[in-house]
C-alpha atoms as a PDB file:
ATOM      1  CA  MET A   1       4.365   8.581 -56.214  1.00  0.00           C
ATOM      2  CA  ALA A   2       7.307  10.841 -56.995  1.00  0.00           C
ATOM      3  CA  THR A   3       7.220  14.212 -58.720  1.00  0.00           C
ATOM      4  CA  LEU A   4       9.749  15.123 -61.386  1.00  0.00           C
ATOM      5  CA  GLN A   5      10.540  18.723 -62.215  1.00  0.00           C
ATOM      6  CA  VAL A   6      12.418  19.625 -65.383  1.00  0.00           C
ATOM      7  CA  LYS A   7      14.102  23.014 -65.419  1.00  0.00           C
ATOM      8  CA  ASN A   8      15.265  25.189 -68.305  1.00  0.00           C
ATOM      9  CA  VAL A   9      12.959  23.710 -70.945  1.00  0.00           C
ATOM     10  CA  PRO A  10      13.181  26.021 -73.974  1.00  0.00           C
ATOM     11  CA  ASP A  11       9.862  27.656 -74.826  1.00  0.00           C
ATOM     12  CA  GLU A  12       9.816  26.204 -78.337  1.00  0.00           C
ATOM     13  CA  LEU A  13      10.408  22.683 -77.017  1.00  0.00           C
ATOM     14  CA  TYR A  14       7.633  23.005 -74.451  1.00  0.00           C
ATOM     15  CA  ALA A  15       5.292  24.339 -77.133  1.00  0.00           C
ATOM     16  CA  ALA A  16       6.120  21.361 -79.369  1.00  0.00           C
ATOM     17  CA  VAL A  17       5.512  18.901 -76.511  1.00  0.00           C
ATOM     18  CA  LYS A  18       2.233  20.597 -75.642  1.00  0.00           C
ATOM     19  CA  GLU A  19       1.137  20.473 -79.294  1.00  0.00           C
ATOM     20  CA  ARG A  20       2.063  16.781 -79.616  1.00  0.00           C
ATOM     21  CA  ALA A  21       0.201  15.943 -76.419  1.00  0.00           C
ATOM     22  CA  ALA A  22      -2.905  17.728 -77.693  1.00  0.00           C
ATOM     23  CA  LYS A  23      -2.741  15.911 -81.035  1.00  0.00           C
ATOM     24  CA  GLU A  24      -2.570  12.588 -79.188  1.00  0.00           C
ATOM     25  CA  HIS A  25      -5.355  13.603 -76.769  1.00  0.00           C
ATOM     26  CA  MET A  26      -2.987  13.382 -73.818  1.00  0.00           C
ATOM     27  CA  THR A  27      -1.780  15.688 -71.100  1.00  0.00           C
ATOM     28  CA  VAL A  28       1.785  16.949 -71.245  1.00  0.00           C
ATOM     29  CA  SER A  29       2.538  14.865 -68.145  1.00  0.00           C
ATOM     30  CA  ASP A  30       1.172  11.688 -69.720  1.00  0.00           C
ATOM     31  CA  LEU A  31       3.162  12.252 -72.912  1.00  0.00           C
ATOM     32  CA  VAL A  32       6.379  12.895 -70.995  1.00  0.00           C
ATOM     33  CA  LEU A  33       5.822   9.826 -68.790  1.00  0.00           C
ATOM     34  CA  ARG A  34       5.167   7.629 -71.831  1.00  0.00           C
ATOM     35  CA  ASN A  35       8.368   8.822 -73.474  1.00  0.00           C
ATOM     36  CA  LEU A  36      10.407   8.428 -70.291  1.00  0.00           C
ATOM     37  CA  ARG A  37       9.185   4.827 -69.988  1.00  0.00           C
ATOM     38  CA  ARG A  38      10.152   4.139 -73.603  1.00  0.00           C
ATOM     39  CA  GLU A  39      13.583   5.633 -73.066  1.00  0.00           C
ATOM     40  CA  VAL A  40      14.461   3.685 -69.933  1.00  0.00           C
ATOM     41  CA  GLU A  41      13.166   0.424 -71.441  1.00  0.00           C
ATOM     42  CA  ARG A  42      15.481   0.803 -74.437  1.00  0.00           C
ATOM     43  CA  MET A  43      18.885  -0.784 -74.375  1.00  0.00           C
ATOM     44  CA  SER A  44      21.622   1.724 -73.537  1.00  0.00           C
ATOM     45  CA  VAL A  45      24.329   2.437 -76.083  1.00  0.00           C
ATOM     46  CA  ASP A  46      26.848   0.612 -73.895  1.00  0.00           C
ATOM     47  CA  GLU A  47      24.562  -2.434 -73.622  1.00  0.00           C
ATOM     48  CA  TRP A  48      23.981  -2.402 -77.375  1.00  0.00           C
ATOM     49  CA  LEU A  49      27.703  -2.149 -78.115  1.00  0.00           C
ATOM     50  CA  GLU A  50      28.426  -5.003 -75.709  1.00  0.00           C
ATOM     51  CA  ARG A  51      25.789  -7.148 -77.398  1.00  0.00           C
ATOM     52  CA  VAL A  52      27.055  -6.367 -80.883  1.00  0.00           C
ATOM     53  CA  THR A  53      30.736  -6.823 -80.108  1.00  0.00           C
ATOM     54  CA  SER A  54      30.133 -10.062 -78.211  1.00  0.00           C
ATOM     55  CA  ARG A  55      28.788 -11.726 -81.356  1.00  0.00           C
ATOM     56  CA  ARG A  56      31.171 -13.600 -83.538  1.00  0.00           C
ATOM     57  CA  ALA A  57      31.660 -12.140 -87.009  1.00  0.00           C
ATOM     58  CA  GLY A  58      29.198 -13.548 -89.515  1.00  0.00           C
ATOM     59  CA  GLU A  59      27.149 -15.315 -86.881  1.00  0.00           C
ATOM     60  CA  PRO A  60      23.442 -14.405 -86.939  1.00  0.00           C
ATOM     61  CA  PRO A  61      21.792 -13.241 -83.731  1.00  0.00           C
ATOM     62  CA  ARG A  62      20.602 -16.182 -81.676  1.00  0.00           C
ATOM     63  CA  ASP A  63      17.048 -14.895 -81.394  1.00  0.00           C
ATOM     64  CA  ILE A  64      16.394 -15.062 -85.158  1.00  0.00           C
ATOM     65  CA  ASP A  65      15.159 -18.283 -86.724  1.00  0.00           C
ATOM     66  CA  VAL A  66      17.262 -18.131 -89.902  1.00  0.00           C
ATOM     67  CA  GLN A  67      15.553 -21.134 -91.455  1.00  0.00           C
ATOM     68  CA  ALA A  68      12.108 -19.581 -90.993  1.00  0.00           C
ATOM     69  CA  VAL A  69      13.289 -16.316 -92.534  1.00  0.00           C
ATOM     70  CA  MET A  70      14.765 -18.147 -95.519  1.00  0.00           C
ATOM     71  CA  ASP A  71      11.532 -20.110 -95.972  1.00  0.00           C
ATOM     72  CA  GLU A  72       9.537 -16.852 -95.978  1.00  0.00           C
ATOM     73  CA  VAL A  73      11.861 -15.297 -98.565  1.00  0.00           C
ATOM     74  CA  ARG A  74      11.669 -18.374-100.780  1.00  0.00           C
ATOM     75  CA  ALA A  75       7.862 -18.368-100.519  1.00  0.00           C
ATOM     76  CA  GLU A  76       7.713 -14.700-101.534  1.00  0.00           C
ATOM     77  CA  LEU A  77      10.009 -15.287-104.513  1.00  0.00           C
ATOM     78  CA  GLY A  78       8.400 -18.605-105.300  1.00  0.00           C
END
């Protein structure tokens, strides 16, 4: 397993990370690893822009069932 060293972490940032880790009953390492995983799993800005610009104007995203959403809205208003 690799080791990652982060240099030049401002004292106030480290203190905030340490405090957050304690509040979540985690070590600083575990908190940083969790947040690194979240960050690399997120779509990059370039990927997001490509996805958004590749859609045709006015066309809903393909992964949303528009009919189901409309049915839910109608049921709530119903």
